[in-house]
Each structure stands twice: as C-alpha cells, then as structure tokens.
Amino acid sequence: MNSPEEMMFGYGLASGQPIEEVASKTLFTMHVGGLEIPFTNHMFMIMLSSLVLMIVLPAVVRQPTLIPRGLRNAIEAICVFLREDVARPFLKERTDYYIPVLWTLFFFILTLNLLGIVPLDRIFWLITGKPNWGGAATANLYITGALAVFSFLLFHAAGMKEKGVWKYFATLAPKVPWPIRPFMFLMELLSSFVRMFSLAIRLFANILSGHILLVVLLGFILIYKNFMVASASIIVTTLMSLLELFVAFLQAYIFTFLTAIFIGFAISEEEH
C-alpha cells in the first residue's frame, strides 16, 4: 500500500526514478474478442483533451457578444495569427481550405500540453482514491509519433490532391541529369520521413525533459527533508512551471508551423 506522501508527491519522487512520473501506466484492460487492449493514463488524457475541446471551444466561440472578450478574444487572436502569419505565407490562396485542420492540430496539442502540467492524477486520487489517471500524454513517443504520422499523411495527401498522384511524385525530384534523378527522388522521399521523425522527437523530448526536471526539483524535498532546500525547490519549481507553460504554447506552435510549411512545400508548383 502506498503512503499518502508517495501518492501526493508521485511515484517518481518516492522511488527516486523521475521517468516513472511521466511513464505510461495501465489503468485497466479491455477485452475485445480474443484481444487484450490496455487502457492507459495517456489514452485517458487524450479522451479528456478531446472532450475539453468539444465542450469549451464551441461554448466560447458561440458567445452572443458582438465584441469578443476574455477567452473568446484570446482564441480568436490565436486563430487569426495562425491563419494570417503562419499558414498564409506558405499556403497562399489555399489557406482557408487547410486552416481548419491546422487550428485543430494546434489546439489539440496545446490542450494535451496544458493538461499535462495540471496534477490531475493527484486530484483524481483525492476524489476517487485511485492513482495514475493523469499524466503528460505528449511525453509519450507513441502519441507524438501518431501526431507526426498524421502530419506526414496530411502533407502528402495535400500534394497529391492539388497536383495529382503522378505529378506530385514527379516533383519530388529536382530537374537534374537522368542518371542521378532516381537517387535524388529517394533522398527527397527519405527527407519526408525525416521530417516526420523530427516532429515526433521534438515535441516528445521538450515535454519529457521539462516534466522530468520538475520531478527532480521536487524530489530534493524528499531527499534532503530540509526547510531551506524545500523552500528553494518550491521557488525554482514555480519558475520552471511558468517556463513549462510557455513551452506548452511554443511546442504546439512549432508543430503547427512546420506542418504548414510541409503542406506548402507539397502543394507548391516548384520542385522540392
């Protein structure tokens, strides 16, 4: 049985293994036919983020006020910024066609990042007595990988839709002498996979490292059990939490920005 101290500060702190704090943990197992499908805390966070977006965003944007205020004003400002300053320079006249999916991608990643900062597992434990319901879903490489695969399929599908399948693949190779054109085609195709991996690793590494740092800083309290160390740890952790808040927005922006660039490359008439 875990002590209240372990529950409140987290398994990673109590065990001295910070990675445990952000690891995927199975909540229960679903039996579908002959398959056993584990339902993890990160899967729960994805469902919760989707639910938050489906409830909060429609409620905010449908406010019957002529002049947007508060959260609605912030959301509209973000949407306009993403459309005019992020997407339009690369997508040009096709911006309005692709911007809904870019908005969705940004707010989904942002919600996952922000909910990962909130100690939901402690809150749920206080309410239900059951641990591990919360967690940083974007600190899971499988989840960031799935987002990167979606982006990968999106910009390739956009290129094939705008140009046609054969013309799209033909534009992957620049106009070079025929003997080396197959090699250049393979290199360009490989680079598109590199883009996918870079999207996944960048988001995963930034979120994971931030949460591990916070766990280590709080872990000093249990290690030294000293008032001065505890005070310094809390102050630094508070400052780092503010930095994590900034990183949550920044990483959602970078992922969306790069996806817009890749779509722009795919639909551009120029060779890559």
C-alpha atoms as a PDB file:
ATOM      1  CA  MET A   1       0.000   0.000   0.000  1.00  0.00           C
ATOM      2  CA  ASN A   2       1.444   3.402  -0.976  1.00  0.00           C
ATOM      3  CA  SER A   3       1.772   6.035   1.707  1.00  0.00           C
ATOM      4  CA  PRO A   4      -0.007   9.407   1.405  1.00  0.00           C
ATOM      5  CA  GLU A   5       3.403  11.029   0.941  1.00  0.00           C
ATOM      6  CA  GLU A   6       4.122   8.807  -2.060  1.00  0.00           C
ATOM      7  CA  MET A   7       0.698   9.483  -3.522  1.00  0.00           C
ATOM      8  CA  MET A   8       0.877  13.251  -3.159  1.00  0.00           C
ATOM      9  CA  PHE A   9       4.416  13.659  -4.475  1.00  0.00           C
ATOM     10  CA  GLY A  10       4.200  10.910  -7.071  1.00  0.00           C
ATOM     11  CA  TYR A  11       5.754   7.526  -7.604  1.00  0.00           C
ATOM     12  CA  GLY A  12       8.697   9.021  -9.436  1.00  0.00           C
ATOM     13  CA  LEU A  13       9.618  11.146  -6.424  1.00  0.00           C
ATOM     14  CA  ALA A  14       9.137   8.378  -3.906  1.00  0.00           C
ATOM     15  CA  SER A  15      11.082   5.776  -5.892  1.00  0.00           C
ATOM     16  CA  GLY A  16      13.899   8.094  -6.933  1.00  0.00           C
ATOM     17  CA  GLN A  17      13.194   7.359 -10.615  1.00  0.00           C
ATOM     18  CA  PRO A  18      11.902  10.571 -12.283  1.00  0.00           C
ATOM     19  CA  ILE A  19      10.998   8.756 -15.503  1.00  0.00           C
ATOM     20  CA  GLU A  20       8.236   6.920 -13.608  1.00  0.00           C
ATOM     21  CA  GLU A  21       6.351  10.189 -13.235  1.00  0.00           C
ATOM     22  CA  VAL A  22       5.826  10.512 -16.998  1.00  0.00           C
ATOM     23  CA  ALA A  23       5.647   6.817 -17.903  1.00  0.00           C
ATOM     24  CA  SER A  24       2.527   5.307 -19.430  1.00  0.00           C
ATOM     25  CA  LYS A  25       0.572   3.308 -16.834  1.00  0.00           C
ATOM     26  CA  THR A  26      -2.222   0.806 -17.481  1.00  0.00           C
ATOM     27  CA  LEU A  27      -5.473   1.712 -15.731  1.00  0.00           C
ATOM     28  CA  PHE A  28      -7.452  -1.326 -16.821  1.00  0.00           C
ATOM     29  CA  THR A  29      -7.579  -3.868 -19.625  1.00  0.00           C
ATOM     30  CA  MET A  30     -10.350  -4.095 -22.194  1.00  0.00           C
ATOM     31  CA  HIS A  31     -11.172  -7.477 -23.733  1.00  0.00           C
ATOM     32  CA  VAL A  32     -12.240  -7.251 -27.371  1.00  0.00           C
ATOM     33  CA  GLY A  33     -12.767 -10.704 -28.808  1.00  0.00           C
ATOM     34  CA  GLY A  34      -9.556 -12.551 -28.081  1.00  0.00           C
ATOM     35  CA  LEU A  35      -7.518  -9.367 -27.718  1.00  0.00           C
ATOM     36  CA  GLU A  36      -6.498  -7.643 -24.507  1.00  0.00           C
ATOM     37  CA  ILE A  37      -6.224  -3.883 -25.019  1.00  0.00           C
ATOM     38  CA  PRO A  38      -4.688  -1.930 -22.131  1.00  0.00           C
ATOM     39  CA  PHE A  39      -6.283   1.433 -21.374  1.00  0.00           C
ATOM     40  CA  THR A  40      -3.534   3.762 -20.133  1.00  0.00           C
ATOM     41  CA  ASN A  41      -3.456   7.107 -18.378  1.00  0.00           C
ATOM     42  CA  HIS A  42      -2.218   8.743 -21.587  1.00  0.00           C
ATOM     43  CA  MET A  43      -5.186   7.342 -23.504  1.00  0.00           C
ATOM     44  CA  PHE A  44      -7.414   8.834 -20.815  1.00  0.00           C
ATOM     45  CA  MET A  45      -5.669  12.216 -21.226  1.00  0.00           C
ATOM     46  CA  ILE A  46      -6.317  12.112 -24.990  1.00  0.00           C
ATOM     47  CA  MET A  47     -10.000  11.435 -24.371  1.00  0.00           C
ATOM     48  CA  LEU A  48     -10.147  14.183 -21.750  1.00  0.00           C
ATOM     49  CA  SER A  49      -8.419  16.688 -24.061  1.00  0.00           C
ATOM     50  CA  SER A  50     -10.830  15.860 -26.877  1.00  0.00           C
ATOM     51  CA  LEU A  51     -13.787  16.277 -24.526  1.00  0.00           C
ATOM     52  CA  VAL A  52     -12.477  19.616 -23.250  1.00  0.00           C
ATOM     53  CA  LEU A  53     -12.058  20.912 -26.799  1.00  0.00           C
ATOM     54  CA  MET A  54     -15.502  19.722 -27.906  1.00  0.00           C
ATOM     55  CA  ILE A  55     -17.157  21.423 -24.923  1.00  0.00           C
ATOM     56  CA  VAL A  56     -15.067  24.543 -24.279  1.00  0.00           C
ATOM     57  CA  LEU A  57     -14.362  25.818 -27.806  1.00  0.00           C
ATOM     58  CA  PRO A  58     -17.973  25.731 -29.100  1.00  0.00           C
ATOM     59  CA  ALA A  59     -19.214  27.300 -25.860  1.00  0.00           C
ATOM     60  CA  VAL A  60     -16.643  30.097 -26.097  1.00  0.00           C
ATOM     61  CA  VAL A  61     -16.881  30.968 -29.802  1.00  0.00           C
ATOM     62  CA  ARG A  62     -20.691  30.994 -29.765  1.00  0.00           C
ATOM     63  CA  GLN A  63     -20.964  33.668 -27.119  1.00  0.00           C
ATOM     64  CA  PRO A  64     -23.657  36.162 -28.206  1.00  0.00           C
ATOM     65  CA  THR A  65     -21.411  39.211 -27.792  1.00  0.00           C
ATOM     66  CA  LEU A  66     -20.512  41.411 -30.736  1.00  0.00           C
ATOM     67  CA  ILE A  67     -17.067  42.302 -29.343  1.00  0.00           C
ATOM     68  CA  PRO A  68     -15.082  39.240 -28.226  1.00  0.00           C
ATOM     69  CA  ARG A  69     -13.749  39.354 -24.688  1.00  0.00           C
ATOM     70  CA  GLY A  70     -11.775  37.167 -22.358  1.00  0.00           C
ATOM     71  CA  LEU A  71     -11.096  33.622 -23.545  1.00  0.00           C
ATOM     72  CA  ARG A  72     -13.010  34.131 -26.794  1.00  0.00           C
ATOM     73  CA  ASN A  73     -10.833  37.110 -27.643  1.00  0.00           C
ATOM     74  CA  ALA A  74      -7.673  35.096 -26.947  1.00  0.00           C
ATOM     75  CA  ILE A  75      -8.853  32.163 -29.074  1.00  0.00           C
ATOM     76  CA  GLU A  76      -9.830  34.418 -31.982  1.00  0.00           C
ATOM     77  CA  ALA A  77      -6.464  36.203 -31.786  1.00  0.00           C
ATOM     78  CA  ILE A  78      -4.654  32.855 -31.917  1.00  0.00           C
ATOM     79  CA  CYS A  79      -6.782  31.684 -34.851  1.00  0.00           C
ATOM     80  CA  VAL A  80      -6.161  34.880 -36.824  1.00  0.00           C
ATOM     81  CA  PHE A  81      -2.430  34.701 -36.089  1.00  0.00           C
ATOM     82  CA  LEU A  82      -2.202  31.075 -37.233  1.00  0.00           C
ATOM     83  CA  ARG A  83      -4.169  31.825 -40.401  1.00  0.00           C
ATOM     84  CA  GLU A  84      -2.506  35.075 -41.472  1.00  0.00           C
ATOM     85  CA  ASP A  85       1.053  34.811 -40.134  1.00  0.00           C
ATOM     86  CA  VAL A  86       1.671  31.060 -40.048  1.00  0.00           C
ATOM     87  CA  ALA A  87      -0.363  29.432 -42.810  1.00  0.00           C
ATOM     88  CA  ARG A  88      -0.967  32.114 -45.458  1.00  0.00           C
ATOM     89  CA  PRO A  89       2.708  32.818 -46.336  1.00  0.00           C
ATOM     90  CA  PHE A  90       3.074  29.146 -47.346  1.00  0.00           C
ATOM     91  CA  LEU A  91      -0.419  28.085 -48.412  1.00  0.00           C
ATOM     92  CA  LYS A  92      -1.453  31.354 -50.089  1.00  0.00           C
ATOM     93  CA  GLU A  93      -4.888  31.036 -51.774  1.00  0.00           C
ATOM     94  CA  ARG A  94      -5.352  27.526 -50.311  1.00  0.00           C
ATOM     95  CA  THR A  95      -5.065  28.803 -46.749  1.00  0.00           C
ATOM     96  CA  ASP A  96      -8.779  28.785 -45.968  1.00  0.00           C
ATOM     97  CA  TYR A  97      -9.041  25.192 -47.189  1.00  0.00           C
ATOM     98  CA  TYR A  98      -6.334  23.817 -44.883  1.00  0.00           C
ATOM     99  CA  ILE A  99      -6.550  26.165 -41.908  1.00  0.00           C
ATOM    100  CA  PRO A 100      -9.304  24.221 -40.039  1.00  0.00           C
ATOM    101  CA  VAL A 101      -7.074  21.170 -39.685  1.00  0.00           C
ATOM    102  CA  LEU A 102      -4.141  23.345 -38.602  1.00  0.00           C
ATOM    103  CA  TRP A 103      -6.314  25.041 -35.970  1.00  0.00           C
ATOM    104  CA  THR A 104      -7.457  21.646 -34.731  1.00  0.00           C
ATOM    105  CA  LEU A 105      -3.898  20.347 -34.584  1.00  0.00           C
ATOM    106  CA  PHE A 106      -2.678  23.379 -32.648  1.00  0.00           C
ATOM    107  CA  PHE A 107      -5.432  23.412 -30.035  1.00  0.00           C
ATOM    108  CA  PHE A 108      -5.321  19.634 -29.559  1.00  0.00           C
ATOM    109  CA  ILE A 109      -1.561  19.609 -28.890  1.00  0.00           C
ATOM    110  CA  LEU A 110      -1.866  22.716 -26.715  1.00  0.00           C
ATOM    111  CA  THR A 111      -4.625  21.129 -24.624  1.00  0.00           C
ATOM    112  CA  LEU A 112      -2.587  17.941 -24.163  1.00  0.00           C
ATOM    113  CA  ASN A 113       0.425  20.006 -23.095  1.00  0.00           C
ATOM    114  CA  LEU A 114      -1.535  22.172 -20.667  1.00  0.00           C
ATOM    115  CA  LEU A 115      -3.412  19.269 -19.073  1.00  0.00           C
ATOM    116  CA  GLY A 116      -0.064  17.524 -18.654  1.00  0.00           C
ATOM    117  CA  ILE A 117       1.066  20.372 -16.393  1.00  0.00           C
ATOM    118  CA  VAL A 118      -2.020  20.102 -14.173  1.00  0.00           C
ATOM    119  CA  PRO A 119      -1.564  17.435 -11.437  1.00  0.00           C
ATOM    120  CA  LEU A 120      -4.733  15.609 -12.449  1.00  0.00           C
ATOM    121  CA  ASP A 121      -3.523  12.281 -11.078  1.00  0.00           C
ATOM    122  CA  ARG A 122      -3.312  13.830  -7.562  1.00  0.00           C
ATOM    123  CA  ILE A 123      -6.720  15.442  -7.983  1.00  0.00           C
ATOM    124  CA  PHE A 124      -8.328  12.190  -9.125  1.00  0.00           C
ATOM    125  CA  TRP A 125      -6.600  10.339  -6.282  1.00  0.00           C
ATOM    126  CA  LEU A 126      -8.053  12.745  -3.729  1.00  0.00           C
ATOM    127  CA  ILE A 127     -11.533  12.241  -5.221  1.00  0.00           C
ATOM    128  CA  THR A 128     -11.552   8.547  -6.114  1.00  0.00           C
ATOM    129  CA  GLY A 129      -8.619   7.073  -4.196  1.00  0.00           C
ATOM    130  CA  LYS A 130      -7.251   5.625  -7.460  1.00  0.00           C
ATOM    131  CA  PRO A 131      -3.866   6.841  -8.793  1.00  0.00           C
ATOM    132  CA  ASN A 132      -2.300   7.363 -12.232  1.00  0.00           C
ATOM    133  CA  TRP A 133      -5.243   8.918 -14.096  1.00  0.00           C
ATOM    134  CA  GLY A 134      -3.285  11.991 -15.140  1.00  0.00           C
ATOM    135  CA  GLY A 135      -0.002  12.424 -16.977  1.00  0.00           C
ATOM    136  CA  ALA A 136       1.771  14.222 -19.790  1.00  0.00           C
ATOM    137  CA  ALA A 137       0.469  12.490 -22.918  1.00  0.00           C
ATOM    138  CA  THR A 138       2.845  14.392 -25.208  1.00  0.00           C
ATOM    139  CA  ALA A 139       5.770  12.967 -23.196  1.00  0.00           C
ATOM    140  CA  ASN A 140       4.844   9.636 -24.794  1.00  0.00           C
ATOM    141  CA  LEU A 141       6.703   8.979 -28.043  1.00  0.00           C
ATOM    142  CA  TYR A 142       3.869   6.805 -29.368  1.00  0.00           C
ATOM    143  CA  ILE A 143       1.453   9.732 -29.102  1.00  0.00           C
ATOM    144  CA  THR A 144       3.772  12.330 -30.606  1.00  0.00           C
ATOM    145  CA  GLY A 145       4.623   9.745 -33.258  1.00  0.00           C
ATOM    146  CA  ALA A 146       0.939   9.325 -34.101  1.00  0.00           C
ATOM    147  CA  LEU A 147       0.593  13.111 -34.416  1.00  0.00           C
ATOM    148  CA  ALA A 148       3.669  13.199 -36.664  1.00  0.00           C
ATOM    149  CA  VAL A 149       2.278  10.382 -38.837  1.00  0.00           C
ATOM    150  CA  PHE A 150      -0.948  12.373 -39.197  1.00  0.00           C
ATOM    151  CA  SER A 151       1.048  15.414 -40.300  1.00  0.00           C
ATOM    152  CA  PHE A 152       3.104  13.225 -42.678  1.00  0.00           C
ATOM    153  CA  LEU A 153      -0.011  11.776 -44.306  1.00  0.00           C
ATOM    154  CA  LEU A 154      -1.641  15.206 -44.395  1.00  0.00           C
ATOM    155  CA  PHE A 155       1.029  16.989 -46.417  1.00  0.00           C
ATOM    156  CA  HIS A 156       1.477  14.079 -48.817  1.00  0.00           C
ATOM    157  CA  ALA A 157      -2.295  13.808 -49.298  1.00  0.00           C
ATOM    158  CA  ALA A 158      -2.461  17.573 -49.864  1.00  0.00           C
ATOM    159  CA  GLY A 159       0.244  17.378 -52.519  1.00  0.00           C
ATOM    160  CA  MET A 160      -1.460  14.500 -54.334  1.00  0.00           C
ATOM    161  CA  LYS A 161      -4.846  16.243 -54.159  1.00  0.00           C
ATOM    162  CA  GLU A 162      -3.570  19.539 -55.541  1.00  0.00           C
ATOM    163  CA  LYS A 163      -1.271  18.118 -58.239  1.00  0.00           C
ATOM    164  CA  GLY A 164      -2.434  14.580 -58.857  1.00  0.00           C
ATOM    165  CA  VAL A 165      -0.580  11.483 -57.719  1.00  0.00           C
ATOM    166  CA  TRP A 166       1.881  11.113 -60.600  1.00  0.00           C
ATOM    167  CA  LYS A 167       2.719  14.784 -60.921  1.00  0.00           C
ATOM    168  CA  TYR A 168       3.224  15.062 -57.167  1.00  0.00           C
ATOM    169  CA  PHE A 169       5.747  12.249 -57.061  1.00  0.00           C
ATOM    170  CA  ALA A 170       7.408  13.624 -60.182  1.00  0.00           C
ATOM    171  CA  THR A 171       8.007  16.963 -58.447  1.00  0.00           C
ATOM    172  CA  LEU A 172       9.786  15.242 -55.552  1.00  0.00           C
ATOM    173  CA  ALA A 173      12.931  15.039 -57.654  1.00  0.00           C
ATOM    174  CA  PRO A 174      14.542  18.292 -58.872  1.00  0.00           C
ATOM    175  CA  LYS A 175      15.472  18.800 -62.507  1.00  0.00           C
ATOM    176  CA  VAL A 176      18.850  17.113 -62.590  1.00  0.00           C
ATOM    177  CA  PRO A 177      20.516  14.789 -65.138  1.00  0.00           C
ATOM    178  CA  TRP A 178      18.637  11.497 -65.507  1.00  0.00           C
ATOM    179  CA  PRO A 179      21.388   9.225 -64.113  1.00  0.00           C
ATOM    180  CA  ILE A 180      21.135  10.827 -60.681  1.00  0.00           C
ATOM    181  CA  ARG A 181      17.417  11.669 -60.698  1.00  0.00           C
ATOM    182  CA  PRO A 182      16.353   8.323 -59.090  1.00  0.00           C
ATOM    183  CA  PHE A 183      18.880   8.930 -56.327  1.00  0.00           C
ATOM    184  CA  MET A 184      17.558  12.467 -55.730  1.00  0.00           C
ATOM    185  CA  PHE A 185      13.997  11.126 -55.696  1.00  0.00           C
ATOM    186  CA  LEU A 186      14.904   8.597 -52.990  1.00  0.00           C
ATOM    187  CA  MET A 187      16.718  11.281 -50.972  1.00  0.00           C
ATOM    188  CA  GLU A 188      13.695  13.591 -51.135  1.00  0.00           C
ATOM    189  CA  LEU A 189      11.376  10.757 -50.158  1.00  0.00           C
ATOM    190  CA  LEU A 190      13.675   9.901 -47.267  1.00  0.00           C
ATOM    191  CA  SER A 191      13.726  13.532 -46.164  1.00  0.00           C
ATOM    192  CA  SER A 192       9.926  13.479 -45.832  1.00  0.00           C
ATOM    193  CA  PHE A 193      10.289  10.610 -43.352  1.00  0.00           C
ATOM    194  CA  VAL A 194      12.975  12.585 -41.534  1.00  0.00           C
ATOM    195  CA  ARG A 195      10.518  15.464 -41.194  1.00  0.00           C
ATOM    196  CA  MET A 196       8.021  13.098 -39.622  1.00  0.00           C
ATOM    197  CA  PHE A 197      10.560  11.798 -37.096  1.00  0.00           C
ATOM    198  CA  SER A 198      11.747  15.326 -36.289  1.00  0.00           C
ATOM    199  CA  LEU A 199       8.181  16.412 -35.493  1.00  0.00           C
ATOM    200  CA  ALA A 200       7.688  13.445 -33.160  1.00  0.00           C
ATOM    201  CA  ILE A 201      11.055  13.692 -31.392  1.00  0.00           C
ATOM    202  CA  ARG A 202      10.971  17.483 -30.959  1.00  0.00           C
ATOM    203  CA  LEU A 203       7.596  17.523 -29.219  1.00  0.00           C
ATOM    204  CA  PHE A 204       8.330  14.387 -27.178  1.00  0.00           C
ATOM    205  CA  ALA A 205      11.789  15.491 -25.992  1.00  0.00           C
ATOM    206  CA  ASN A 206      10.786  19.003 -24.962  1.00  0.00           C
ATOM    207  CA  ILE A 207       7.744  17.918 -22.948  1.00  0.00           C
ATOM    208  CA  LEU A 208       9.509  14.911 -21.393  1.00  0.00           C
ATOM    209  CA  SER A 209      12.593  16.850 -20.321  1.00  0.00           C
ATOM    210  CA  GLY A 210      10.514  19.603 -18.739  1.00  0.00           C
ATOM    211  CA  HIS A 211       8.457  17.203 -16.642  1.00  0.00           C
ATOM    212  CA  ILE A 212      11.488  15.204 -15.548  1.00  0.00           C
ATOM    213  CA  LEU A 213      13.194  18.422 -14.450  1.00  0.00           C
ATOM    214  CA  LEU A 214      10.172  19.392 -12.348  1.00  0.00           C
ATOM    215  CA  VAL A 215      10.112  15.934 -10.736  1.00  0.00           C
ATOM    216  CA  VAL A 216      13.823  16.108  -9.916  1.00  0.00           C
ATOM    217  CA  LEU A 217      13.472  19.565  -8.376  1.00  0.00           C
ATOM    218  CA  LEU A 218      10.569  18.444  -6.190  1.00  0.00           C
ATOM    219  CA  GLY A 219      12.462  15.259  -5.352  1.00  0.00           C
ATOM    220  CA  PHE A 220      15.023  17.303  -3.444  1.00  0.00           C
ATOM    221  CA  ILE A 221      12.351  17.860  -0.800  1.00  0.00           C
ATOM    222  CA  LEU A 222      12.086  14.136  -0.050  1.00  0.00           C
ATOM    223  CA  ILE A 223      15.822  13.554  -0.367  1.00  0.00           C
ATOM    224  CA  TYR A 224      17.075  16.280   1.981  1.00  0.00           C
ATOM    225  CA  LYS A 225      13.958  16.957   4.100  1.00  0.00           C
ATOM    226  CA  ASN A 226      15.310  20.395   4.913  1.00  0.00           C
ATOM    227  CA  PHE A 227      13.346  23.636   5.161  1.00  0.00           C
ATOM    228  CA  MET A 228      15.887  25.665   3.180  1.00  0.00           C
ATOM    229  CA  VAL A 229      16.143  23.074   0.414  1.00  0.00           C
ATOM    230  CA  ALA A 230      12.365  22.701   0.306  1.00  0.00           C
ATOM    231  CA  SER A 231      11.855  26.469   0.030  1.00  0.00           C
ATOM    232  CA  ALA A 232      14.424  26.794  -2.767  1.00  0.00           C
ATOM    233  CA  SER A 233      12.982  23.768  -4.540  1.00  0.00           C
ATOM    234  CA  ILE A 234       9.435  25.162  -4.459  1.00  0.00           C
ATOM    235  CA  ILE A 235      10.540  28.580  -5.735  1.00  0.00           C
ATOM    236  CA  VAL A 236      12.573  27.125  -8.615  1.00  0.00           C
ATOM    237  CA  THR A 237       9.812  24.656  -9.441  1.00  0.00           C
ATOM    238  CA  THR A 238       7.294  27.506  -9.630  1.00  0.00           C
ATOM    239  CA  LEU A 239       9.529  29.412 -12.044  1.00  0.00           C
ATOM    240  CA  MET A 240      10.113  26.292 -14.117  1.00  0.00           C
ATOM    241  CA  SER A 241       6.362  25.651 -14.206  1.00  0.00           C
ATOM    242  CA  LEU A 242       5.903  29.073 -15.793  1.00  0.00           C
ATOM    243  CA  LEU A 243       8.551  28.106 -18.336  1.00  0.00           C
ATOM    244  CA  GLU A 244       6.675  24.846 -18.954  1.00  0.00           C
ATOM    245  CA  LEU A 245       3.552  26.891 -19.640  1.00  0.00           C
ATOM    246  CA  PHE A 246       5.459  28.847 -22.279  1.00  0.00           C
ATOM    247  CA  VAL A 247       6.891  25.620 -23.752  1.00  0.00           C
ATOM    248  CA  ALA A 248       3.371  24.154 -23.988  1.00  0.00           C
ATOM    249  CA  PHE A 249       2.325  27.009 -26.297  1.00  0.00           C
ATOM    250  CA  LEU A 250       5.661  27.087 -28.123  1.00  0.00           C
ATOM    251  CA  GLN A 251       5.707  23.384 -28.999  1.00  0.00           C
ATOM    252  CA  ALA A 252       2.101  23.448 -30.213  1.00  0.00           C
ATOM    253  CA  TYR A 253       3.005  26.457 -32.376  1.00  0.00           C
ATOM    254  CA  ILE A 254       6.178  24.840 -33.765  1.00  0.00           C
ATOM    255  CA  PHE A 255       4.372  21.611 -34.655  1.00  0.00           C
ATOM    256  CA  THR A 256       1.624  23.553 -36.454  1.00  0.00           C
ATOM    257  CA  PHE A 257       4.095  25.918 -38.115  1.00  0.00           C
ATOM    258  CA  LEU A 258       6.213  23.076 -39.513  1.00  0.00           C
ATOM    259  CA  THR A 259       3.117  21.216 -40.694  1.00  0.00           C
ATOM    260  CA  ALA A 260       2.005  24.349 -42.577  1.00  0.00           C
ATOM    261  CA  ILE A 261       5.462  24.607 -44.163  1.00  0.00           C
ATOM    262  CA  PHE A 262       5.407  20.955 -45.232  1.00  0.00           C
ATOM    263  CA  ILE A 263       1.939  21.338 -46.753  1.00  0.00           C
ATOM    264  CA  GLY A 264       3.162  24.452 -48.565  1.00  0.00           C
ATOM    265  CA  PHE A 265       6.131  22.533 -49.978  1.00  0.00           C
ATOM    266  CA  ALA A 266       3.825  19.701 -51.067  1.00  0.00           C
ATOM    267  CA  ILE A 267       1.324  21.873 -52.924  1.00  0.00           C
ATOM    268  CA  SER A 268       3.856  24.287 -54.404  1.00  0.00           C
ATOM    269  CA  GLU A 269       4.338  24.067 -58.161  1.00  0.00           C
ATOM    270  CA  GLU A 270       8.092  24.347 -57.741  1.00  0.00           C
ATOM    271  CA  GLU A 271      10.293  21.271 -57.408  1.00  0.00           C
ATOM    272  CA  HIS A 272      11.407  20.497 -53.868  1.00  0.00           C
END
